[in-house]
Amino acid sequence: MPAMIELRAFMGLADTFRERNWDNPKTVAVTGEMTGEEFLAMLDLSPDAVEVFFVNGKAFTPDLAVVTGGDRVALAPQGVPGPYRVLLGFKKMG
């Protein structure tokens, strides 16, 4: 049975959401557990466009992220400037 994920996008990915007429945050139905890469494929977003997944406030690279219903997920694009990396909590990831 599908469960919902609350999905937010930062910076340039927020522009993609607007271009697709998606809400930000967007509610996404998922069934079971998905890897970050599977989740991006379901959304038709390039893995190269996303540097960081935030799952319930914790930062992961797309290849290490795992999402499931009830999670709060945010996506940050490649190339986030240094000060924002600190504010968002993923300075040491790249």
PDB file of N, CA and C in Angstrom:
ATOM      1  N   MET A   1       0.848  -1.180   0.000  1.00  0.00           N
ATOM      2  CA  MET A   1       0.000   0.000   0.000  1.00  0.00           C
ATOM      3  C   MET A   1       0.900   1.252   0.000  1.00  0.00           C
ATOM      4  N   PRO A   2       0.622   2.204  -0.863  1.00  0.00           N
ATOM      5  CA  PRO A   2       1.477   3.402  -0.928  1.00  0.00           C
ATOM      6  C   PRO A   2       1.413   4.235   0.351  1.00  0.00           C
ATOM      7  N   ALA A   3       2.547   4.831   0.663  1.00  0.00           N
ATOM      8  CA  ALA A   3       2.650   5.779   1.766  1.00  0.00           C
ATOM      9  C   ALA A   3       3.224   7.069   1.192  1.00  0.00           C
ATOM     10  N   MET A   4       3.121   8.150   1.926  1.00  0.00           N
ATOM     11  CA  MET A   4       3.516   9.452   1.406  1.00  0.00           C
ATOM     12  C   MET A   4       4.856   9.927   1.943  1.00  0.00           C
ATOM     13  N   ILE A   5       5.576  10.625   1.066  1.00  0.00           N
ATOM     14  CA  ILE A   5       6.807  11.322   1.420  1.00  0.00           C
ATOM     15  C   ILE A   5       6.575  12.796   1.153  1.00  0.00           C
ATOM     16  N   GLU A   6       7.033  13.640   2.070  1.00  0.00           N
ATOM     17  CA  GLU A   6       7.012  15.085   1.845  1.00  0.00           C
ATOM     18  C   GLU A   6       8.353  15.463   1.221  1.00  0.00           C
ATOM     19  N   LEU A   7       8.320  16.004   0.008  1.00  0.00           N
ATOM     20  CA  LEU A   7       9.523  16.300  -0.762  1.00  0.00           C
ATOM     21  C   LEU A   7       9.663  17.796  -0.991  1.00  0.00           C
ATOM     22  N   ARG A   8      10.849  18.325  -0.678  1.00  0.00           N
ATOM     23  CA  ARG A   8      11.183  19.734  -0.922  1.00  0.00           C
ATOM     24  C   ARG A   8      12.405  19.805  -1.825  1.00  0.00           C
ATOM     25  N   ALA A   9      12.515  20.927  -2.545  1.00  0.00           N
ATOM     26  CA  ALA A   9      13.664  21.136  -3.417  1.00  0.00           C
ATOM     27  C   ALA A   9      14.270  22.498  -3.125  1.00  0.00           C
ATOM     28  N   PHE A  10      15.601  22.567  -3.165  1.00  0.00           N
ATOM     29  CA  PHE A  10      16.332  23.808  -2.939  1.00  0.00           C
ATOM     30  C   PHE A  10      16.911  24.336  -4.243  1.00  0.00           C
ATOM     31  N   MET A  11      17.103  25.615  -4.293  1.00  0.00           N
ATOM     32  CA  MET A  11      17.818  26.329  -5.349  1.00  0.00           C
ATOM     33  C   MET A  11      17.322  25.941  -6.750  1.00  0.00           C
ATOM     34  N   GLY A  12      18.218  25.541  -7.642  1.00  0.00           N
ATOM     35  CA  GLY A  12      17.841  25.243  -9.019  1.00  0.00           C
ATOM     36  C   GLY A  12      16.833  24.120  -9.145  1.00  0.00           C
ATOM     37  N   LEU A  13      16.827  23.197  -8.201  1.00  0.00           N
ATOM     38  CA  LEU A  13      15.832  22.129  -8.242  1.00  0.00           C
ATOM     39  C   LEU A  13      14.433  22.674  -7.957  1.00  0.00           C
ATOM     40  N   ALA A  14      14.346  23.732  -7.168  1.00  0.00           N
ATOM     41  CA  ALA A  14      13.051  24.388  -6.948  1.00  0.00           C
ATOM     42  C   ALA A  14      12.534  24.966  -8.267  1.00  0.00           C
ATOM     43  N   ASP A  15      13.440  25.464  -9.106  1.00  0.00           N
ATOM     44  CA  ASP A  15      13.045  25.948 -10.440  1.00  0.00           C
ATOM     45  C   ASP A  15      12.460  24.807 -11.263  1.00  0.00           C
ATOM     46  N   THR A  16      13.075  23.638 -11.190  1.00  0.00           N
ATOM     47  CA  THR A  16      12.559  22.468 -11.910  1.00  0.00           C
ATOM     48  C   THR A  16      11.157  22.124 -11.426  1.00  0.00           C
ATOM     49  N   PHE A  17      10.944  22.189 -10.125  1.00  0.00           N
ATOM     50  CA  PHE A  17       9.604  21.926  -9.580  1.00  0.00           C
ATOM     51  C   PHE A  17       8.606  22.927 -10.158  1.00  0.00           C
ATOM     52  N   ARG A  18       8.962  24.204 -10.191  1.00  0.00           N
ATOM     53  CA  ARG A  18       8.052  25.218 -10.743  1.00  0.00           C
ATOM     54  C   ARG A  18       7.764  24.954 -12.217  1.00  0.00           C
ATOM     55  N   GLU A  19       8.808  24.612 -12.979  1.00  0.00           N
ATOM     56  CA  GLU A  19       8.629  24.327 -14.410  1.00  0.00           C
ATOM     57  C   GLU A  19       7.675  23.159 -14.627  1.00  0.00           C
ATOM     58  N   ARG A  20       7.665  22.218 -13.719  1.00  0.00           N
ATOM     59  CA  ARG A  20       6.789  21.046 -13.826  1.00  0.00           C
ATOM     60  C   ARG A  20       5.437  21.267 -13.138  1.00  0.00           C
ATOM     61  N   ASN A  21       5.227  22.469 -12.624  1.00  0.00           N
ATOM     62  CA  ASN A  21       3.995  22.807 -11.892  1.00  0.00           C
ATOM     63  C   ASN A  21       3.789  21.909 -10.679  1.00  0.00           C
ATOM     64  N   TRP A  22       4.899  21.582 -10.016  1.00  0.00           N
ATOM     65  CA  TRP A  22       4.845  20.790  -8.786  1.00  0.00           C
ATOM     66  C   TRP A  22       4.834  21.730  -7.597  1.00  0.00           C
ATOM     67  N   ASP A  23       4.123  21.336  -6.566  1.00  0.00           N
ATOM     68  CA  ASP A  23       4.183  22.069  -5.300  1.00  0.00           C
ATOM     69  C   ASP A  23       5.562  21.869  -4.685  1.00  0.00           C
ATOM     70  N   ASN A  24       5.942  22.813  -3.821  1.00  0.00           N
ATOM     71  CA  ASN A  24       7.190  22.692  -3.067  1.00  0.00           C
ATOM     72  C   ASN A  24       6.894  23.148  -1.642  1.00  0.00           C
ATOM     73  N   PRO A  25       6.557  22.219  -0.738  1.00  0.00           N
ATOM     74  CA  PRO A  25       6.790  20.786  -0.807  1.00  0.00           C
ATOM     75  C   PRO A  25       5.742  20.056  -1.651  1.00  0.00           C
ATOM     76  N   LYS A  26       6.187  18.922  -2.175  1.00  0.00           N
ATOM     77  CA  LYS A  26       5.372  18.036  -3.002  1.00  0.00           C
ATOM     78  C   LYS A  26       5.152  16.751  -2.217  1.00  0.00           C
ATOM     79  N   THR A  27       3.944  16.243  -2.270  1.00  0.00           N
ATOM     80  CA  THR A  27       3.646  14.956  -1.652  1.00  0.00           C
ATOM     81  C   THR A  27       3.807  13.876  -2.716  1.00  0.00           C
ATOM     82  N   VAL A  28       4.597  12.851  -2.384  1.00  0.00           N
ATOM     83  CA  VAL A  28       4.908  11.776  -3.332  1.00  0.00           C
ATOM     84  C   VAL A  28       4.521  10.442  -2.698  1.00  0.00           C
ATOM     85  N   ALA A  29       3.764   9.638  -3.434  1.00  0.00           N
ATOM     86  CA  ALA A  29       3.387   8.303  -2.959  1.00  0.00           C
ATOM     87  C   ALA A  29       4.488   7.305  -3.310  1.00  0.00           C
ATOM     88  N   VAL A  30       4.882   6.496  -2.344  1.00  0.00           N
ATOM     89  CA  VAL A  30       5.876   5.440  -2.566  1.00  0.00           C
ATOM     90  C   VAL A  30       5.364   4.145  -1.945  1.00  0.00           C
ATOM     91  N   THR A  31       5.858   3.056  -2.490  1.00  0.00           N
ATOM     92  CA  THR A  31       5.536   1.746  -1.935  1.00  0.00           C
ATOM     93  C   THR A  31       6.833   1.121  -1.453  1.00  0.00           C
ATOM     94  N   GLY A  32       6.905   0.868  -0.180  1.00  0.00           N
ATOM     95  CA  GLY A  32       8.107   0.242   0.379  1.00  0.00           C
ATOM     96  C   GLY A  32       9.279   1.201   0.443  1.00  0.00           C
ATOM     97  N   GLU A  33      10.451   0.616   0.495  1.00  0.00           N
ATOM     98  CA  GLU A  33      11.704   1.360   0.616  1.00  0.00           C
ATOM     99  C   GLU A  33      12.313   1.547  -0.772  1.00  0.00           C
ATOM    100  N   MET A  34      12.882   2.736  -1.012  1.00  0.00           N
ATOM    101  CA  MET A  34      13.514   3.032  -2.300  1.00  0.00           C
ATOM    102  C   MET A  34      14.886   3.639  -2.051  1.00  0.00           C
ATOM    103  N   THR A  35      15.827   3.330  -2.927  1.00  0.00           N
ATOM    104  CA  THR A  35      17.108   4.017  -2.872  1.00  0.00           C
ATOM    105  C   THR A  35      16.921   5.432  -3.414  1.00  0.00           C
ATOM    106  N   GLY A  36      17.870   6.295  -3.108  1.00  0.00           N
ATOM    107  CA  GLY A  36      17.812   7.651  -3.645  1.00  0.00           C
ATOM    108  C   GLY A  36      17.783   7.646  -5.156  1.00  0.00           C
ATOM    109  N   GLU A  37      18.572   6.774  -5.769  1.00  0.00           N
ATOM    110  CA  GLU A  37      18.615   6.693  -7.228  1.00  0.00           C
ATOM    111  C   GLU A  37      17.285   6.219  -7.806  1.00  0.00           C
ATOM    112  N   GLU A  38      16.635   5.259  -7.160  1.00  0.00           N
ATOM    113  CA  GLU A  38      15.311   4.797  -7.608  1.00  0.00           C
ATOM    114  C   GLU A  38      14.280   5.919  -7.472  1.00  0.00           C
ATOM    115  N   PHE A  39      14.370   6.658  -6.377  1.00  0.00           N
ATOM    116  CA  PHE A  39      13.437   7.759  -6.139  1.00  0.00           C
ATOM    117  C   PHE A  39      13.599   8.840  -7.205  1.00  0.00           C
ATOM    118  N   LEU A  40      14.842   9.196  -7.538  1.00  0.00           N
ATOM    119  CA  LEU A  40      15.083  10.189  -8.587  1.00  0.00           C
ATOM    120  C   LEU A  40      14.566   9.700  -9.937  1.00  0.00           C
ATOM    121  N   ALA A  41      14.771   8.424 -10.242  1.00  0.00           N
ATOM    122  CA  ALA A  41      14.268   7.869 -11.500  1.00  0.00           C
ATOM    123  C   ALA A  41      12.747   7.956 -11.557  1.00  0.00           C
ATOM    124  N   MET A  42      12.081   7.663 -10.443  1.00  0.00           N
ATOM    125  CA  MET A  42      10.628   7.748 -10.389  1.00  0.00           C
ATOM    126  C   MET A  42      10.160   9.175 -10.670  1.00  0.00           C
ATOM    127  N   LEU A  43      10.927  10.156 -10.188  1.00  0.00           N
ATOM    128  CA  LEU A  43      10.589  11.571 -10.394  1.00  0.00           C
ATOM    129  C   LEU A  43      11.065  12.102 -11.742  1.00  0.00           C
ATOM    130  N   ASP A  44      11.803  11.285 -12.488  1.00  0.00           N
ATOM    131  CA  ASP A  44      12.411  11.695 -13.752  1.00  0.00           C
ATOM    132  C   ASP A  44      13.360  12.877 -13.540  1.00  0.00           C
ATOM    133  N   LEU A  45      14.178  12.766 -12.480  1.00  0.00           N
ATOM    134  CA  LEU A  45      15.229  13.743 -12.198  1.00  0.00           C
ATOM    135  C   LEU A  45      16.577  13.065 -12.384  1.00  0.00           C
ATOM    136  N   SER A  46      17.491  13.738 -13.039  1.00  0.00           N
ATOM    137  CA  SER A  46      18.814  13.176 -13.281  1.00  0.00           C
ATOM    138  C   SER A  46      19.599  13.071 -11.967  1.00  0.00           C
ATOM    139  N   PRO A  47      20.234  11.932 -11.722  1.00  0.00           N
ATOM    140  CA  PRO A  47      21.070  11.820 -10.525  1.00  0.00           C
ATOM    141  C   PRO A  47      22.203  12.855 -10.519  1.00  0.00           C
ATOM    142  N   ASP A  48      22.633  13.280 -11.698  1.00  0.00           N
ATOM    143  CA  ASP A  48      23.682  14.293 -11.794  1.00  0.00           C
ATOM    144  C   ASP A  48      23.214  15.669 -11.324  1.00  0.00           C
ATOM    145  N   ALA A  49      21.906  15.876 -11.276  1.00  0.00           N
ATOM    146  CA  ALA A  49      21.359  17.169 -10.865  1.00  0.00           C
ATOM    147  C   ALA A  49      21.285  17.318  -9.346  1.00  0.00           C
ATOM    148  N   VAL A  50      21.391  16.199  -8.632  1.00  0.00           N
ATOM    149  CA  VAL A  50      21.201  16.205  -7.175  1.00  0.00           C
ATOM    150  C   VAL A  50      22.511  15.821  -6.497  1.00  0.00           C
ATOM    151  N   GLU A  51      22.978  16.705  -5.614  1.00  0.00           N
ATOM    152  CA  GLU A  51      24.193  16.396  -4.851  1.00  0.00           C
ATOM    153  C   GLU A  51      23.862  15.744  -3.523  1.00  0.00           C
ATOM    154  N   VAL A  52      22.792  16.217  -2.883  1.00  0.00           N
ATOM    155  CA  VAL A  52      22.489  15.765  -1.528  1.00  0.00           C
ATOM    156  C   VAL A  52      21.002  15.499  -1.357  1.00  0.00           C
ATOM    157  N   PHE A  53      20.706  14.385  -0.717  1.00  0.00           N
ATOM    158  CA  PHE A  53      19.378  14.048  -0.219  1.00  0.00           C
ATOM    159  C   PHE A  53      19.390  14.344   1.269  1.00  0.00           C
ATOM    160  N   PHE A  54      18.412  15.047   1.754  1.00  0.00           N
ATOM    161  CA  PHE A  54      18.200  15.152   3.190  1.00  0.00           C
ATOM    162  C   PHE A  54      17.007  14.254   3.508  1.00  0.00           C
ATOM    163  N   VAL A  55      17.227  13.261   4.330  1.00  0.00           N
ATOM    164  CA  VAL A  55      16.160  12.351   4.738  1.00  0.00           C
ATOM    165  C   VAL A  55      15.970  12.546   6.228  1.00  0.00           C
ATOM    166  N   ASN A  56      14.832  13.111   6.586  1.00  0.00           N
ATOM    167  CA  ASN A  56      14.523  13.397   7.990  1.00  0.00           C
ATOM    168  C   ASN A  56      15.643  14.196   8.654  1.00  0.00           C
ATOM    169  N   GLY A  57      16.202  15.151   7.895  1.00  0.00           N
ATOM    170  CA  GLY A  57      17.205  16.072   8.428  1.00  0.00           C
ATOM    171  C   GLY A  57      18.645  15.607   8.325  1.00  0.00           C
ATOM    172  N   LYS A  58      18.880  14.400   7.867  1.00  0.00           N
ATOM    173  CA  LYS A  58      20.246  13.890   7.757  1.00  0.00           C
ATOM    174  C   LYS A  58      20.662  13.860   6.289  1.00  0.00           C
ATOM    175  N   ALA A  59      21.891  14.313   5.996  1.00  0.00           N
ATOM    176  CA  ALA A  59      22.378  14.433   4.623  1.00  0.00           C
ATOM    177  C   ALA A  59      22.994  13.130   4.120  1.00  0.00           C
ATOM    178  N   PHE A  60      22.658  12.788   2.860  1.00  0.00           N
ATOM    179  CA  PHE A  60      23.199  11.606   2.183  1.00  0.00           C
ATOM    180  C   PHE A  60      23.474  11.945   0.724  1.00  0.00           C
ATOM    181  N   THR A  61      24.452  11.294   0.131  1.00  0.00           N
ATOM    182  CA  THR A  61      24.601  11.367  -1.317  1.00  0.00           C
ATOM    183  C   THR A  61      23.475  10.509  -1.918  1.00  0.00           C
ATOM    184  N   PRO A  62      23.074  10.788  -3.168  1.00  0.00           N
ATOM    185  CA  PRO A  62      21.964  10.021  -3.757  1.00  0.00           C
ATOM    186  C   PRO A  62      22.182   8.505  -3.743  1.00  0.00           C
ATOM    187  N   ASP A  63      23.425   8.057  -3.914  1.00  0.00           N
ATOM    188  CA  ASP A  63      23.673   6.617  -3.946  1.00  0.00           C
ATOM    189  C   ASP A  63      23.561   5.963  -2.572  1.00  0.00           C
ATOM    190  N   LEU A  64      23.590   6.753  -1.505  1.00  0.00           N
ATOM    191  CA  LEU A  64      23.480   6.198  -0.145  1.00  0.00           C
ATOM    192  C   LEU A  64      22.129   6.463   0.512  1.00  0.00           C
ATOM    193  N   ALA A  65      21.319   7.314  -0.099  1.00  0.00           N
ATOM    194  CA  ALA A  65      20.018   7.660   0.481  1.00  0.00           C
ATOM    195  C   ALA A  65      19.043   6.497   0.341  1.00  0.00           C
ATOM    196  N   VAL A  66      18.201   6.351   1.351  1.00  0.00           N
ATOM    197  CA  VAL A  66      17.103   5.393   1.331  1.00  0.00           C
ATOM    198  C   VAL A  66      15.883   6.126   1.864  1.00  0.00           C
ATOM    199  N   VAL A  67      14.776   6.038   1.128  1.00  0.00           N
ATOM    200  CA  VAL A  67      13.551   6.722   1.551  1.00  0.00           C
ATOM    201  C   VAL A  67      12.419   5.709   1.656  1.00  0.00           C
ATOM    202  N   THR A  68      11.494   6.021   2.546  1.00  0.00           N
ATOM    203  CA  THR A  68      10.314   5.189   2.747  1.00  0.00           C
ATOM    204  C   THR A  68       9.160   6.090   3.153  1.00  0.00           C
ATOM    205  N   GLY A  69       7.962   5.583   3.056  1.00  0.00           N
ATOM    206  CA  GLY A  69       6.787   6.372   3.405  1.00  0.00           C
ATOM    207  C   GLY A  69       6.899   6.992   4.784  1.00  0.00           C
ATOM    208  N   GLY A  70       6.439   8.217   4.898  1.00  0.00           N
ATOM    209  CA  GLY A  70       6.509   8.952   6.155  1.00  0.00           C
ATOM    210  C   GLY A  70       7.741   9.820   6.280  1.00  0.00           C
ATOM    211  N   ASP A  71       8.727   9.619   5.410  1.00  0.00           N
ATOM    212  CA  ASP A  71       9.947  10.424   5.461  1.00  0.00           C
ATOM    213  C   ASP A  71       9.699  11.836   4.961  1.00  0.00           C
ATOM    214  N   ARG A  72      10.505  12.741   5.474  1.00  0.00           N
ATOM    215  CA  ARG A  72      10.577  14.108   4.954  1.00  0.00           C
ATOM    216  C   ARG A  72      11.894  14.196   4.204  1.00  0.00           C
ATOM    217  N   VAL A  73      11.812  14.508   2.910  1.00  0.00           N
ATOM    218  CA  VAL A  73      12.974  14.484   2.034  1.00  0.00           C
ATOM    219  C   VAL A  73      13.155  15.848   1.387  1.00  0.00           C
ATOM    220  N   ALA A  74      14.406  16.286   1.286  1.00  0.00           N
ATOM    221  CA  ALA A  74      14.742  17.511   0.557  1.00  0.00           C
ATOM    222  C   ALA A  74      15.911  17.204  -0.358  1.00  0.00           C
ATOM    223  N   LEU A  75      15.922  17.870  -1.505  1.00  0.00           N
ATOM    224  CA  LEU A  75      16.970  17.674  -2.498  1.00  0.00           C
ATOM    225  C   LEU A  75      17.738  18.965  -2.698  1.00  0.00           C
ATOM    226  N   ALA A  76      19.062  18.860  -2.713  1.00  0.00           N
ATOM    227  CA  ALA A  76      19.925  20.012  -2.990  1.00  0.00           C
ATOM    228  C   ALA A  76      20.703  19.714  -4.272  1.00  0.00           C
ATOM    229  N   PRO A  77      20.828  20.711  -5.157  1.00  0.00           N
ATOM    230  CA  PRO A  77      21.497  20.483  -6.440  1.00  0.00           C
ATOM    231  C   PRO A  77      23.010  20.465  -6.306  1.00  0.00           C
ATOM    232  N   GLN A  78      23.660  20.071  -7.379  1.00  0.00           N
ATOM    233  CA  GLN A  78      25.118  20.153  -7.472  1.00  0.00           C
ATOM    234  C   GLN A  78      25.551  21.613  -7.370  1.00  0.00           C
ATOM    235  N   GLY A  79      26.709  21.845  -6.784  1.00  0.00           N
ATOM    236  CA  GLY A  79      27.311  23.169  -6.797  1.00  0.00           C
ATOM    237  C   GLY A  79      26.753  24.174  -5.818  1.00  0.00           C
ATOM    238  N   VAL A  80      26.177  23.722  -4.720  1.00  0.00           N
ATOM    239  CA  VAL A  80      25.691  24.658  -3.704  1.00  0.00           C
ATOM    240  C   VAL A  80      26.892  25.437  -3.161  1.00  0.00           C
ATOM    241  N   PRO A  81      26.824  26.773  -3.118  1.00  0.00           N
ATOM    242  CA  PRO A  81      27.956  27.578  -2.634  1.00  0.00           C
ATOM    243  C   PRO A  81      28.314  27.270  -1.176  1.00  0.00           C
ATOM    244  N   GLY A  82      29.588  27.487  -0.841  1.00  0.00           N
ATOM    245  CA  GLY A  82      30.141  27.169   0.467  1.00  0.00           C
ATOM    246  C   GLY A  82      29.328  27.574   1.676  1.00  0.00           C
ATOM    247  N   PRO A  83      28.917  28.856   1.791  1.00  0.00           N
ATOM    248  CA  PRO A  83      28.175  29.246   2.990  1.00  0.00           C
ATOM    249  C   PRO A  83      26.867  28.468   3.160  1.00  0.00           C
ATOM    250  N   TYR A  84      26.201  28.163   2.046  1.00  0.00           N
ATOM    251  CA  TYR A  84      24.953  27.409   2.125  1.00  0.00           C
ATOM    252  C   TYR A  84      25.212  25.952   2.493  1.00  0.00           C
ATOM    253  N   ARG A  85      26.369  25.440   2.093  1.00  0.00           N
ATOM    254  CA  ARG A  85      26.733  24.076   2.469  1.00  0.00           C
ATOM    255  C   ARG A  85      26.820  23.960   3.989  1.00  0.00           C
ATOM    256  N   VAL A  86      27.386  24.991   4.614  1.00  0.00           N
ATOM    257  CA  VAL A  86      27.490  25.003   6.077  1.00  0.00           C
ATOM    258  C   VAL A  86      26.097  25.104   6.694  1.00  0.00           C
ATOM    259  N   LEU A  87      25.290  26.049   6.193  1.00  0.00           N
ATOM    260  CA  LEU A  87      23.939  26.235   6.742  1.00  0.00           C
ATOM    261  C   LEU A  87      23.067  24.997   6.590  1.00  0.00           C
ATOM    262  N   LEU A  88      23.200  24.319   5.469  1.00  0.00           N
ATOM    263  CA  LEU A  88      22.384  23.132   5.229  1.00  0.00           C
ATOM    264  C   LEU A  88      22.953  21.887   5.886  1.00  0.00           C
ATOM    265  N   GLY A  89      24.209  21.954   6.341  1.00  0.00           N
ATOM    266  CA  GLY A  89      24.766  20.847   7.104  1.00  0.00           C
ATOM    267  C   GLY A  89      25.451  19.776   6.299  1.00  0.00           C
ATOM    268  N   PHE A  90      25.935  20.092   5.097  1.00  0.00           N
ATOM    269  CA  PHE A  90      26.659  19.067   4.351  1.00  0.00           C
ATOM    270  C   PHE A  90      28.003  19.553   3.836  1.00  0.00           C
ATOM    271  N   LYS A  91      28.629  20.452   4.578  1.00  0.00           N
ATOM    272  CA  LYS A  91      29.923  21.004   4.193  1.00  0.00           C
ATOM    273  C   LYS A  91      30.972  19.926   3.946  1.00  0.00           C
ATOM    274  N   LYS A  92      31.017  18.911   4.777  1.00  0.00           N
ATOM    275  CA  LYS A  92      32.065  17.894   4.688  1.00  0.00           C
ATOM    276  C   LYS A  92      31.787  16.823   3.655  1.00  0.00           C
ATOM    277  N   MET A  93      30.685  16.926   2.937  1.00  0.00           N
ATOM    278  CA  MET A  93      30.347  15.890   1.973  1.00  0.00           C
ATOM    279  C   MET A  93      31.053  16.059   0.641  1.00  0.00           C
ATOM    280  N   GLY A  94      31.593  17.258   0.337  1.00  0.00           N
ATOM    281  CA  GLY A  94      32.134  17.398  -1.002  1.00  0.00           C
ATOM    282  C   GLY A  94      33.333  18.277  -1.082  1.00  0.00           C
TER     283      GLY A  94
END
